[in-house]
N, C-alpha and C. Protein backbone atom coordinates (compact mmCIF):
# COMPACT_ATOMS: atom_id res chain seq x y z
N MET A 1 0.82 -1.17 0.00
CA MET A 1 -0.01 0.00 0.00
C MET A 1 0.86 1.24 0.00
N SER A 2 0.59 2.06 -0.85
CA SER A 2 1.35 3.31 -0.94
C SER A 2 0.45 4.49 -0.57
N ARG A 3 1.11 5.49 -0.10
CA ARG A 3 0.35 6.69 0.27
C ARG A 3 0.06 7.50 -0.98
N ARG A 4 -1.07 8.13 -0.89
CA ARG A 4 -1.43 8.97 -2.03
C ARG A 4 -1.39 10.45 -1.59
N PHE A 5 -0.60 11.18 -2.25
CA PHE A 5 -0.52 12.62 -2.00
C PHE A 5 -0.83 13.33 -3.29
N SER A 6 -1.56 14.33 -3.14
CA SER A 6 -1.88 15.14 -4.30
C SER A 6 -1.29 16.52 -4.07
N LYS A 7 -0.61 17.01 -5.06
CA LYS A 7 -0.02 18.33 -4.92
C LYS A 7 -1.08 19.41 -4.89
N SER A 8 -2.22 19.14 -5.36
CA SER A 8 -3.26 20.16 -5.38
C SER A 8 -3.86 20.39 -3.98
N THR A 9 -3.75 19.40 -3.07
CA THR A 9 -4.32 19.58 -1.74
C THR A 9 -3.40 20.36 -0.82
N LEU A 10 -2.12 20.41 -1.14
CA LEU A 10 -1.18 21.17 -0.35
C LEU A 10 -1.13 22.60 -0.89
N ARG A 11 -1.35 23.55 0.02
CA ARG A 11 -1.25 24.93 -0.42
C ARG A 11 -0.52 25.74 0.66
N GLU A 12 0.06 26.81 0.27
CA GLU A 12 0.78 27.67 1.19
C GLU A 12 -0.19 28.54 1.96
N ILE A 13 0.14 28.74 3.23
CA ILE A 13 -0.67 29.64 4.04
C ILE A 13 -0.01 31.01 3.93
N SER A 14 -0.69 31.95 3.34
CA SER A 14 -0.11 33.27 3.12
C SER A 14 -0.64 34.31 4.11
N GLU A 15 -1.28 33.88 5.17
CA GLU A 15 -1.80 34.80 6.17
C GLU A 15 -0.83 34.90 7.34
N ILE A 16 -0.80 36.05 7.97
CA ILE A 16 0.03 36.26 9.15
C ILE A 16 -0.77 35.82 10.36
N ASN A 17 -0.13 35.03 11.20
CA ASN A 17 -0.78 34.59 12.43
C ASN A 17 -0.78 35.75 13.43
N MET A 18 -1.94 36.25 13.78
CA MET A 18 -2.06 37.43 14.64
C MET A 18 -1.98 37.11 16.13
N THR A 19 -2.12 35.89 16.51
CA THR A 19 -2.14 35.52 17.93
C THR A 19 -0.87 35.95 18.66
N PRO A 20 0.34 35.67 18.17
CA PRO A 20 1.53 36.12 18.89
C PRO A 20 1.62 37.64 18.97
N LEU A 21 1.18 38.33 17.93
CA LEU A 21 1.21 39.78 17.96
C LEU A 21 0.24 40.34 18.99
N MET A 22 -0.92 39.75 19.10
CA MET A 22 -1.90 40.18 20.10
C MET A 22 -1.39 39.89 21.50
N ASP A 23 -0.76 38.73 21.70
CA ASP A 23 -0.19 38.41 23.01
C ASP A 23 0.86 39.43 23.41
N LEU A 24 1.73 39.78 22.49
CA LEU A 24 2.76 40.76 22.75
C LEU A 24 2.15 42.13 23.09
N THR A 25 1.12 42.51 22.35
CA THR A 25 0.44 43.78 22.60
C THR A 25 -0.15 43.82 24.00
N PHE A 26 -0.82 42.77 24.41
CA PHE A 26 -1.42 42.74 25.74
C PHE A 26 -0.36 42.73 26.84
N ILE A 27 0.74 42.03 26.62
CA ILE A 27 1.82 42.02 27.61
C ILE A 27 2.40 43.42 27.78
N LEU A 28 2.63 44.13 26.66
CA LEU A 28 3.16 45.48 26.74
C LEU A 28 2.15 46.42 27.42
N LEU A 29 0.88 46.28 27.10
CA LEU A 29 -0.15 47.10 27.72
C LEU A 29 -0.18 46.89 29.22
N ILE A 30 -0.16 45.66 29.66
CA ILE A 30 -0.18 45.36 31.09
C ILE A 30 1.07 45.89 31.77
N THR A 31 2.22 45.77 31.10
CA THR A 31 3.47 46.28 31.66
C THR A 31 3.39 47.79 31.87
N PHE A 32 2.88 48.52 30.89
CA PHE A 32 2.75 49.97 31.01
C PHE A 32 1.75 50.36 32.09
N ILE A 33 0.66 49.62 32.19
CA ILE A 33 -0.34 49.92 33.22
C ILE A 33 0.26 49.74 34.60
N ILE A 34 1.09 48.73 34.78
CA ILE A 34 1.68 48.46 36.09
C ILE A 34 2.79 49.46 36.41
N THR A 35 3.63 49.81 35.43
CA THR A 35 4.79 50.65 35.71
C THR A 35 4.51 52.14 35.68
N PHE A 36 3.43 52.59 35.05
CA PHE A 36 3.17 54.04 34.95
C PHE A 36 3.01 54.72 36.31
N PRO A 37 2.27 54.16 37.25
CA PRO A 37 2.21 54.84 38.56
C PRO A 37 3.56 54.91 39.26
N LEU A 38 4.44 53.95 39.03
CA LEU A 38 5.76 54.00 39.64
C LEU A 38 6.62 55.07 39.01
N ILE A 39 6.48 55.26 37.71
CA ILE A 39 7.24 56.29 37.00
C ILE A 39 6.74 57.67 37.39
N GLU A 40 5.47 57.81 37.62
CA GLU A 40 4.87 59.09 37.92
C GLU A 40 5.43 59.72 39.20
N GLN A 41 5.80 58.91 40.18
CA GLN A 41 6.29 59.43 41.44
C GLN A 41 7.62 60.14 41.25
N GLY A 42 8.51 59.60 40.46
CA GLY A 42 9.75 60.27 40.10
C GLY A 42 10.71 60.52 41.25
N ILE A 43 10.80 61.74 41.71
CA ILE A 43 11.78 62.16 42.69
C ILE A 43 11.34 61.70 44.08
N PRO A 44 12.22 60.99 44.81
CA PRO A 44 11.82 60.55 46.16
C PRO A 44 11.82 61.72 47.13
N VAL A 45 10.64 62.02 47.66
CA VAL A 45 10.46 63.14 48.58
C VAL A 45 9.66 62.62 49.77
N ASN A 46 10.12 62.92 50.99
CA ASN A 46 9.40 62.56 52.19
C ASN A 46 8.38 63.65 52.48
N LEU A 47 7.15 63.47 52.00
CA LEU A 47 6.13 64.50 52.09
C LEU A 47 5.61 64.62 53.51
N PRO A 48 5.20 65.83 53.91
CA PRO A 48 4.57 65.99 55.22
C PRO A 48 3.18 65.38 55.22
N HIS A 49 2.65 65.09 56.40
CA HIS A 49 1.32 64.50 56.51
C HIS A 49 0.28 65.59 56.63
N GLY A 50 -0.89 65.35 56.06
CA GLY A 50 -1.99 66.30 56.14
C GLY A 50 -3.16 65.82 55.32
N GLU A 51 -4.30 66.47 55.54
CA GLU A 51 -5.50 66.13 54.78
C GLU A 51 -5.75 67.19 53.73
N ALA A 52 -6.15 66.76 52.54
CA ALA A 52 -6.46 67.68 51.47
C ALA A 52 -7.39 67.01 50.47
N ALA A 53 -8.05 67.82 49.70
CA ALA A 53 -8.93 67.29 48.65
C ALA A 53 -8.10 66.90 47.44
N ASP A 54 -8.59 65.95 46.68
CA ASP A 54 -7.91 65.50 45.46
C ASP A 54 -8.10 66.54 44.36
N LEU A 55 -7.07 66.68 43.51
CA LEU A 55 -7.13 67.58 42.37
C LEU A 55 -7.18 66.78 41.09
N ASP A 56 -7.78 67.37 40.06
CA ASP A 56 -7.76 66.78 38.73
C ASP A 56 -6.35 66.94 38.18
N GLN A 57 -5.66 65.85 37.92
CA GLN A 57 -4.24 65.92 37.56
C GLN A 57 -4.00 65.77 36.06
N GLU A 58 -4.99 66.11 35.24
CA GLU A 58 -4.80 65.97 33.80
C GLU A 58 -3.80 66.99 33.26
N LEU A 59 -3.98 68.26 33.63
CA LEU A 59 -3.14 69.31 33.10
C LEU A 59 -2.31 69.93 34.21
N THR A 60 -1.51 69.13 34.87
CA THR A 60 -0.71 69.64 35.98
C THR A 60 0.77 69.58 35.66
N ARG A 61 1.51 70.44 36.33
CA ARG A 61 2.98 70.40 36.31
C ARG A 61 3.38 70.19 37.77
N THR A 62 4.51 69.55 38.00
CA THR A 62 4.96 69.24 39.35
C THR A 62 6.33 69.83 39.60
N ILE A 63 6.44 70.54 40.71
CA ILE A 63 7.74 71.06 41.17
C ILE A 63 8.10 70.26 42.42
N SER A 64 9.31 69.70 42.46
CA SER A 64 9.74 68.89 43.59
C SER A 64 11.01 69.48 44.21
N LEU A 65 11.04 69.47 45.54
CA LEU A 65 12.23 69.85 46.32
C LEU A 65 12.61 68.67 47.17
N ASP A 66 13.80 68.09 46.95
CA ASP A 66 14.18 66.93 47.77
C ASP A 66 14.96 67.38 49.00
N ILE A 67 15.39 66.43 49.81
CA ILE A 67 16.03 66.73 51.09
C ILE A 67 17.34 67.50 50.93
N GLU A 68 18.04 67.29 49.80
CA GLU A 68 19.28 68.03 49.55
C GLU A 68 19.02 69.45 49.07
N GLY A 69 17.76 69.78 48.81
CA GLY A 69 17.42 71.11 48.31
C GLY A 69 17.45 71.22 46.81
N ASP A 70 17.61 70.08 46.11
CA ASP A 70 17.61 70.10 44.64
C ASP A 70 16.20 70.36 44.14
N LEU A 71 16.08 71.11 43.05
CA LEU A 71 14.81 71.54 42.50
C LEU A 71 14.56 70.80 41.19
N TYR A 72 13.34 70.28 41.02
CA TYR A 72 12.97 69.52 39.83
C TYR A 72 11.66 70.05 39.28
N LEU A 73 11.56 70.13 37.98
CA LEU A 73 10.30 70.45 37.31
C LEU A 73 9.94 69.24 36.47
N ASP A 74 8.86 68.56 36.85
CA ASP A 74 8.42 67.33 36.17
C ASP A 74 9.57 66.33 36.05
N ASP A 75 10.25 66.07 37.14
CA ASP A 75 11.34 65.09 37.24
C ASP A 75 12.61 65.47 36.49
N HIS A 76 12.72 66.72 36.04
CA HIS A 76 13.93 67.19 35.36
C HIS A 76 14.59 68.24 36.26
N PRO A 77 15.88 68.08 36.59
CA PRO A 77 16.54 69.06 37.46
C PRO A 77 16.59 70.44 36.79
N VAL A 78 16.27 71.48 37.58
CA VAL A 78 16.30 72.85 37.08
C VAL A 78 16.91 73.75 38.17
N THR A 79 17.35 74.92 37.74
CA THR A 79 17.79 75.93 38.69
C THR A 79 16.60 76.84 38.99
N VAL A 80 16.74 77.71 39.98
CA VAL A 80 15.67 78.63 40.34
C VAL A 80 15.37 79.57 39.17
N GLU A 81 16.40 80.02 38.47
CA GLU A 81 16.21 80.91 37.34
C GLU A 81 15.47 80.21 36.20
N GLU A 82 15.86 78.96 35.92
CA GLU A 82 15.17 78.20 34.86
C GLU A 82 13.71 77.96 35.24
N LEU A 83 13.46 77.68 36.52
CA LEU A 83 12.08 77.47 36.97
C LEU A 83 11.26 78.74 36.80
N ALA A 84 11.82 79.87 37.18
CA ALA A 84 11.11 81.14 37.05
C ALA A 84 10.80 81.43 35.58
N ARG A 85 11.75 81.19 34.70
CA ARG A 85 11.55 81.41 33.27
C ARG A 85 10.44 80.51 32.73
N GLU A 86 10.50 79.21 33.09
CA GLU A 86 9.51 78.24 32.63
C GLU A 86 8.11 78.57 33.16
N MET A 87 8.02 78.98 34.43
CA MET A 87 6.71 79.30 35.03
C MET A 87 6.12 80.56 34.42
N ASN A 88 6.98 81.57 34.10
CA ASN A 88 6.48 82.76 33.42
C ASN A 88 5.92 82.43 32.05
N THR A 89 6.62 81.57 31.31
CA THR A 89 6.14 81.14 30.00
C THR A 89 4.84 80.36 30.14
N LEU A 90 4.79 79.47 31.12
CA LEU A 90 3.61 78.65 31.35
C LEU A 90 2.42 79.51 31.80
N GLY A 91 2.67 80.48 32.66
CA GLY A 91 1.60 81.36 33.15
C GLY A 91 0.99 82.19 32.04
N ARG A 92 1.80 82.63 31.09
CA ARG A 92 1.27 83.38 29.94
C ARG A 92 0.53 82.47 28.98
N ALA A 93 1.05 81.26 28.75
CA ALA A 93 0.46 80.35 27.75
C ALA A 93 -0.84 79.73 28.24
N ASP A 94 -0.89 79.32 29.50
CA ASP A 94 -2.07 78.63 30.03
C ASP A 94 -2.33 79.08 31.46
N PRO A 95 -3.14 80.13 31.64
CA PRO A 95 -3.36 80.63 33.00
C PRO A 95 -4.14 79.66 33.89
N GLY A 96 -4.79 78.66 33.34
CA GLY A 96 -5.55 77.70 34.12
C GLY A 96 -4.77 76.48 34.55
N VAL A 97 -3.47 76.46 34.31
CA VAL A 97 -2.66 75.28 34.64
C VAL A 97 -2.59 75.13 36.16
N ILE A 98 -2.52 73.89 36.61
CA ILE A 98 -2.37 73.60 38.03
C ILE A 98 -0.93 73.17 38.27
N VAL A 99 -0.28 73.79 39.25
CA VAL A 99 1.09 73.44 39.60
C VAL A 99 1.07 72.81 40.99
N LEU A 100 1.62 71.62 41.10
CA LEU A 100 1.71 70.91 42.37
C LEU A 100 3.13 71.04 42.91
N VAL A 101 3.25 71.42 44.17
CA VAL A 101 4.56 71.57 44.81
C VAL A 101 4.75 70.42 45.78
N ARG A 102 5.77 69.60 45.52
CA ARG A 102 6.13 68.47 46.40
C ARG A 102 7.44 68.83 47.08
N ALA A 103 7.40 69.07 48.38
CA ALA A 103 8.61 69.43 49.12
C ALA A 103 8.80 68.48 50.29
N ASP A 104 10.04 68.08 50.49
CA ASP A 104 10.37 67.23 51.63
C ASP A 104 10.02 67.95 52.93
N GLU A 105 9.52 67.22 53.91
CA GLU A 105 9.09 67.87 55.14
C GLU A 105 10.24 68.47 55.93
N GLU A 106 11.47 68.10 55.64
CA GLU A 106 12.64 68.64 56.34
C GLU A 106 13.18 69.90 55.68
N ILE A 107 12.66 70.26 54.50
CA ILE A 107 13.09 71.47 53.80
C ILE A 107 12.63 72.70 54.59
N SER A 108 13.47 73.74 54.61
CA SER A 108 13.10 74.95 55.35
C SER A 108 11.92 75.64 54.65
N TYR A 109 11.14 76.33 55.47
CA TYR A 109 9.95 77.03 54.98
C TYR A 109 10.33 78.09 53.95
N GLY A 110 11.51 78.67 54.07
CA GLY A 110 11.96 79.69 53.15
C GLY A 110 12.09 79.21 51.73
N ARG A 111 12.56 77.97 51.55
CA ARG A 111 12.68 77.40 50.19
C ARG A 111 11.31 77.22 49.55
N VAL A 112 10.34 76.74 50.33
CA VAL A 112 8.98 76.55 49.79
C VAL A 112 8.36 77.91 49.49
N ALA A 113 8.59 78.91 50.35
CA ALA A 113 8.07 80.25 50.12
C ALA A 113 8.67 80.85 48.85
N GLU A 114 9.95 80.54 48.58
CA GLU A 114 10.58 81.04 47.36
C GLU A 114 9.90 80.47 46.12
N ILE A 115 9.56 79.20 46.15
CA ILE A 115 8.85 78.58 45.03
C ILE A 115 7.47 79.20 44.86
N MET A 116 6.78 79.43 45.99
CA MET A 116 5.44 80.03 45.92
C MET A 116 5.52 81.46 45.38
N ARG A 117 6.59 82.20 45.71
CA ARG A 117 6.78 83.55 45.19
C ARG A 117 6.96 83.51 43.66
N ILE A 118 7.75 82.53 43.18
CA ILE A 118 7.95 82.39 41.73
C ILE A 118 6.62 82.13 41.04
N LEU A 119 5.80 81.27 41.62
CA LEU A 119 4.49 80.97 41.03
C LEU A 119 3.57 82.21 41.05
N HIS A 120 3.63 82.96 42.14
CA HIS A 120 2.82 84.18 42.24
C HIS A 120 3.24 85.20 41.20
N GLU A 121 4.54 85.39 41.03
CA GLU A 121 5.04 86.34 40.03
C GLU A 121 4.72 85.90 38.61
N ALA A 122 4.59 84.60 38.40
CA ALA A 122 4.24 84.08 37.06
C ALA A 122 2.74 84.11 36.83
N GLN A 123 1.98 84.62 37.81
CA GLN A 123 0.53 84.73 37.73
C GLN A 123 -0.16 83.38 37.62
N ILE A 124 0.42 82.37 38.25
CA ILE A 124 -0.18 81.04 38.34
C ILE A 124 -0.94 81.01 39.65
N VAL A 125 -2.27 80.93 39.56
CA VAL A 125 -3.11 81.02 40.75
C VAL A 125 -3.62 79.66 41.22
N ARG A 126 -3.54 78.67 40.38
CA ARG A 126 -4.00 77.33 40.77
C ARG A 126 -2.80 76.48 41.12
N MET A 127 -2.55 76.34 42.42
CA MET A 127 -1.40 75.58 42.88
C MET A 127 -1.80 74.79 44.11
N GLY A 128 -1.06 73.74 44.40
CA GLY A 128 -1.35 72.93 45.57
C GLY A 128 -0.07 72.37 46.16
N LEU A 129 -0.08 72.22 47.50
CA LEU A 129 1.02 71.60 48.19
C LEU A 129 0.67 70.13 48.41
N VAL A 130 1.49 69.23 47.92
CA VAL A 130 1.22 67.80 47.99
C VAL A 130 1.64 67.27 49.36
N THR A 131 0.75 66.51 50.00
CA THR A 131 1.04 65.90 51.29
C THR A 131 0.69 64.42 51.27
N GLN A 132 1.17 63.71 52.27
CA GLN A 132 0.76 62.30 52.45
C GLN A 132 -0.52 62.28 53.25
N PRO A 133 -1.37 61.28 53.01
CA PRO A 133 -2.58 61.19 53.82
C PRO A 133 -2.27 60.88 55.28
N GLU A 134 -3.09 61.40 56.17
CA GLU A 134 -2.93 61.13 57.60
C GLU A 134 -3.14 59.64 57.86
N THR A 135 -2.31 59.04 58.71
CA THR A 135 -2.47 57.65 59.06
C THR A 135 -3.09 57.55 60.44
N GLY A 136 -3.88 56.52 60.68
CA GLY A 136 -4.46 56.28 61.97
C GLY A 136 -5.78 56.99 62.21
N ARG A 137 -6.34 57.59 61.17
CA ARG A 137 -7.64 58.25 61.31
C ARG A 137 -8.69 57.49 60.60
């Protein structure tokens, strides 16, 4: 008994298998969903404790002051002069922008007041001081 093969029944599959591509897409999506909140925190700052209302963070900029006194604008190191220039440009371009100030609780009040003065001079009126939620309440 011999096998019968017909060349007409064998044909090439010219379609791309989408299953591995979809698997890869979902893995990347899940990875970004998990890592985005970790990336958002950026500069490690020991925030003071306090109660405050939540803000809509869609159109916000963040200024951070760490324990060494280094200044960051959206996780990028800046000098006081660069911050003042950027805030003046931002205040003219979008007066409704919200600026969040994250300062380490050990930073002197004068440094935070200096940042608030820069924001006031830039005519940015929507600002907030970021704190950690109170524990034990």
